[in-house]
Amino acid sequence: MIRPNRRRDSYPQAPAIRLVATLDLHGFRASDVSPALETFLTSWRLRDEGGVVHIITGKGKGSPGRPVLQPRVRRLLSEDYDERIDWFEQDDSGGGFLVKLK
């Protein structure tokens, strides 16, 4: 689910960061993460260059075995999208990432 964040204070853990959108990957299969992330980052980079987006992966507690989505998104952000983003970091909840777009 993609939902734009309209208020600056919509992310209480980091009120100084202006979030422009959130991508919630809960329920996604690992094979669907890359195309969803590609579309989301490309779209929001064009709409709001320099904005910060929130990618929610969850903590992986519902995955059999070990977490799947969070390591996959971390790898994609660090290896495949490093030229399109300024930085990324895990959010305060540990269930997602904050990503600053170039």
C-alpha atoms as a PDB file:
ATOM      1  CA  MET A   1       0.000   0.000   0.000  1.00  0.00           C
ATOM      2  CA  ILE A   2       1.350   3.416  -0.943  1.00  0.00           C
ATOM      3  CA  ARG A   3       0.117   6.411   0.967  1.00  0.00           C
ATOM      4  CA  PRO A   4       1.486   9.955   0.756  1.00  0.00           C
ATOM      5  CA  ASN A   5       2.272  11.672   4.016  1.00  0.00           C
ATOM      6  CA  ARG A   6       0.859  15.166   4.009  1.00  0.00           C
ATOM      7  CA  ARG A   7       1.912  16.383   7.464  1.00  0.00           C
ATOM      8  CA  ARG A   8       5.463  16.979   8.571  1.00  0.00           C
ATOM      9  CA  ASP A   9       4.744  15.554  12.022  1.00  0.00           C
ATOM     10  CA  SER A  10       3.248  12.318  10.696  1.00  0.00           C
ATOM     11  CA  TYR A  11       6.367  10.413  11.769  1.00  0.00           C
ATOM     12  CA  PRO A  12       6.639  11.102  15.496  1.00  0.00           C
ATOM     13  CA  GLN A  13      10.014   9.409  16.035  1.00  0.00           C
ATOM     14  CA  ALA A  14      11.766  11.884  13.719  1.00  0.00           C
ATOM     15  CA  PRO A  15       9.741  15.102  13.451  1.00  0.00           C
ATOM     16  CA  ALA A  16      12.599  16.996  11.754  1.00  0.00           C
ATOM     17  CA  ILE A  17      12.467  14.642   8.751  1.00  0.00           C
ATOM     18  CA  ARG A  18       9.912  15.543   6.100  1.00  0.00           C
ATOM     19  CA  LEU A  19       8.410  12.288   4.886  1.00  0.00           C
ATOM     20  CA  VAL A  20       6.785  12.466   1.487  1.00  0.00           C
ATOM     21  CA  ALA A  21       5.417   8.904   1.183  1.00  0.00           C
ATOM     22  CA  THR A  22       5.314   5.442   2.707  1.00  0.00           C
ATOM     23  CA  LEU A  23       5.524   2.057   1.008  1.00  0.00           C
ATOM     24  CA  ASP A  24       4.190  -0.769   3.175  1.00  0.00           C
ATOM     25  CA  LEU A  25       5.579  -4.119   2.013  1.00  0.00           C
ATOM     26  CA  HIS A  26       3.735  -6.235   4.604  1.00  0.00           C
ATOM     27  CA  GLY A  27       2.350  -9.282   2.842  1.00  0.00           C
ATOM     28  CA  PHE A  28       4.599  -8.973  -0.205  1.00  0.00           C
ATOM     29  CA  ARG A  29       6.448 -12.016  -1.494  1.00  0.00           C
ATOM     30  CA  ALA A  30      10.220 -11.637  -1.750  1.00  0.00           C
ATOM     31  CA  SER A  31       9.987 -11.871  -5.549  1.00  0.00           C
ATOM     32  CA  ASP A  32       7.603  -8.885  -5.656  1.00  0.00           C
ATOM     33  CA  VAL A  33       9.746  -6.559  -3.547  1.00  0.00           C
ATOM     34  CA  SER A  34      12.221  -5.456  -6.213  1.00  0.00           C
ATOM     35  CA  PRO A  35       9.659  -4.291  -8.817  1.00  0.00           C
ATOM     36  CA  ALA A  36       7.520  -2.598  -6.147  1.00  0.00           C
ATOM     37  CA  LEU A  37      10.513  -0.784  -4.680  1.00  0.00           C
ATOM     38  CA  GLU A  38      11.761   0.207  -8.147  1.00  0.00           C
ATOM     39  CA  THR A  39       8.405   1.710  -9.112  1.00  0.00           C
ATOM     40  CA  PHE A  40       7.960   3.468  -5.780  1.00  0.00           C
ATOM     41  CA  LEU A  41      11.437   5.024  -5.630  1.00  0.00           C
ATOM     42  CA  THR A  42      11.378   6.106  -9.280  1.00  0.00           C
ATOM     43  CA  SER A  43       7.944   7.656  -8.941  1.00  0.00           C
ATOM     44  CA  TRP A  44       8.685   9.574  -5.751  1.00  0.00           C
ATOM     45  CA  ARG A  45      12.125  10.655  -6.910  1.00  0.00           C
ATOM     46  CA  LEU A  46      10.454  12.346  -9.890  1.00  0.00           C
ATOM     47  CA  ARG A  47       7.728  13.890  -7.709  1.00  0.00           C
ATOM     48  CA  ASP A  48       9.818  15.093  -4.795  1.00  0.00           C
ATOM     49  CA  GLU A  49      13.553  15.154  -5.437  1.00  0.00           C
ATOM     50  CA  GLY A  50      15.399  15.177  -2.123  1.00  0.00           C
ATOM     51  CA  GLY A  51      12.384  13.936  -0.179  1.00  0.00           C
ATOM     52  CA  VAL A  52      12.496  11.178   2.422  1.00  0.00           C
ATOM     53  CA  VAL A  53      10.327   8.091   2.027  1.00  0.00           C
ATOM     54  CA  HIS A  54       9.507   5.377   4.542  1.00  0.00           C
ATOM     55  CA  ILE A  55       9.761   1.747   3.430  1.00  0.00           C
ATOM     56  CA  ILE A  56       7.973  -0.556   5.883  1.00  0.00           C
ATOM     57  CA  THR A  57       9.166  -4.160   5.817  1.00  0.00           C
ATOM     58  CA  GLY A  58       8.076  -5.387   9.217  1.00  0.00           C
ATOM     59  CA  LYS A  59      10.450  -7.182  11.525  1.00  0.00           C
ATOM     60  CA  GLY A  60       9.927 -10.600   9.977  1.00  0.00           C
ATOM     61  CA  LYS A  61       8.168 -12.142  12.955  1.00  0.00           C
ATOM     62  CA  GLY A  62       5.529 -13.652  10.651  1.00  0.00           C
ATOM     63  CA  SER A  63       8.097 -15.287   8.370  1.00  0.00           C
ATOM     64  CA  PRO A  64       8.842 -18.958   8.850  1.00  0.00           C
ATOM     65  CA  GLY A  65      12.500 -19.162   9.762  1.00  0.00           C
ATOM     66  CA  ARG A  66      14.326 -15.878   9.485  1.00  0.00           C
ATOM     67  CA  PRO A  67      13.138 -12.493   8.193  1.00  0.00           C
ATOM     68  CA  VAL A  68      13.009 -12.204   4.403  1.00  0.00           C
ATOM     69  CA  LEU A  69      11.840  -8.729   3.391  1.00  0.00           C
ATOM     70  CA  GLN A  70      14.068  -6.570   5.564  1.00  0.00           C
ATOM     71  CA  PRO A  71      17.398  -8.101   4.441  1.00  0.00           C
ATOM     72  CA  ARG A  72      16.235  -8.043   0.826  1.00  0.00           C
ATOM     73  CA  VAL A  73      15.277  -4.357   0.963  1.00  0.00           C
ATOM     74  CA  ARG A  74      18.548  -3.489   2.752  1.00  0.00           C
ATOM     75  CA  ARG A  75      20.517  -5.234  -0.010  1.00  0.00           C
ATOM     76  CA  LEU A  76      18.528  -3.569  -2.790  1.00  0.00           C
ATOM     77  CA  LEU A  77      18.999  -0.123  -1.243  1.00  0.00           C
ATOM     78  CA  SER A  78      22.725  -0.574  -0.690  1.00  0.00           C
ATOM     79  CA  GLU A  79      23.591  -2.314  -3.962  1.00  0.00           C
ATOM     80  CA  ASP A  80      20.980  -1.620  -6.638  1.00  0.00           C
ATOM     81  CA  TYR A  81      19.662   1.835  -5.761  1.00  0.00           C
ATOM     82  CA  ASP A  82      22.743   3.508  -4.313  1.00  0.00           C
ATOM     83  CA  GLU A  83      22.962   5.922  -7.265  1.00  0.00           C
ATOM     84  CA  ARG A  84      19.345   7.074  -6.762  1.00  0.00           C
ATOM     85  CA  ILE A  85      19.398   7.661  -3.022  1.00  0.00           C
ATOM     86  CA  ASP A  86      21.500   9.884  -0.765  1.00  0.00           C
ATOM     87  CA  TRP A  87      21.216   7.666   2.302  1.00  0.00           C
ATOM     88  CA  PHE A  88      19.061   5.151   4.081  1.00  0.00           C
ATOM     89  CA  GLU A  89      18.798   4.034   7.679  1.00  0.00           C
ATOM     90  CA  GLN A  90      16.649   1.706   9.715  1.00  0.00           C
ATOM     91  CA  ASP A  91      13.663   3.453  11.259  1.00  0.00           C
ATOM     92  CA  ASP A  92      13.203   3.774  15.013  1.00  0.00           C
ATOM     93  CA  SER A  93      10.805   0.824  15.189  1.00  0.00           C
ATOM     94  CA  GLY A  94      13.246  -1.542  13.480  1.00  0.00           C
ATOM     95  CA  GLY A  95      10.535  -2.535  11.014  1.00  0.00           C
ATOM     96  CA  GLY A  96      11.545  -0.442   8.029  1.00  0.00           C
ATOM     97  CA  PHE A  97      13.857   2.117   6.494  1.00  0.00           C
ATOM     98  CA  LEU A  98      13.975   5.854   5.951  1.00  0.00           C
ATOM     99  CA  VAL A  99      15.348   6.642   2.498  1.00  0.00           C
ATOM    100  CA  LYS A 100      16.497  10.070   1.261  1.00  0.00           C
ATOM    101  CA  LEU A 101      16.027  10.396  -2.480  1.00  0.00           C
ATOM    102  CA  LYS A 102      18.520  12.192  -4.733  1.00  0.00           C
END
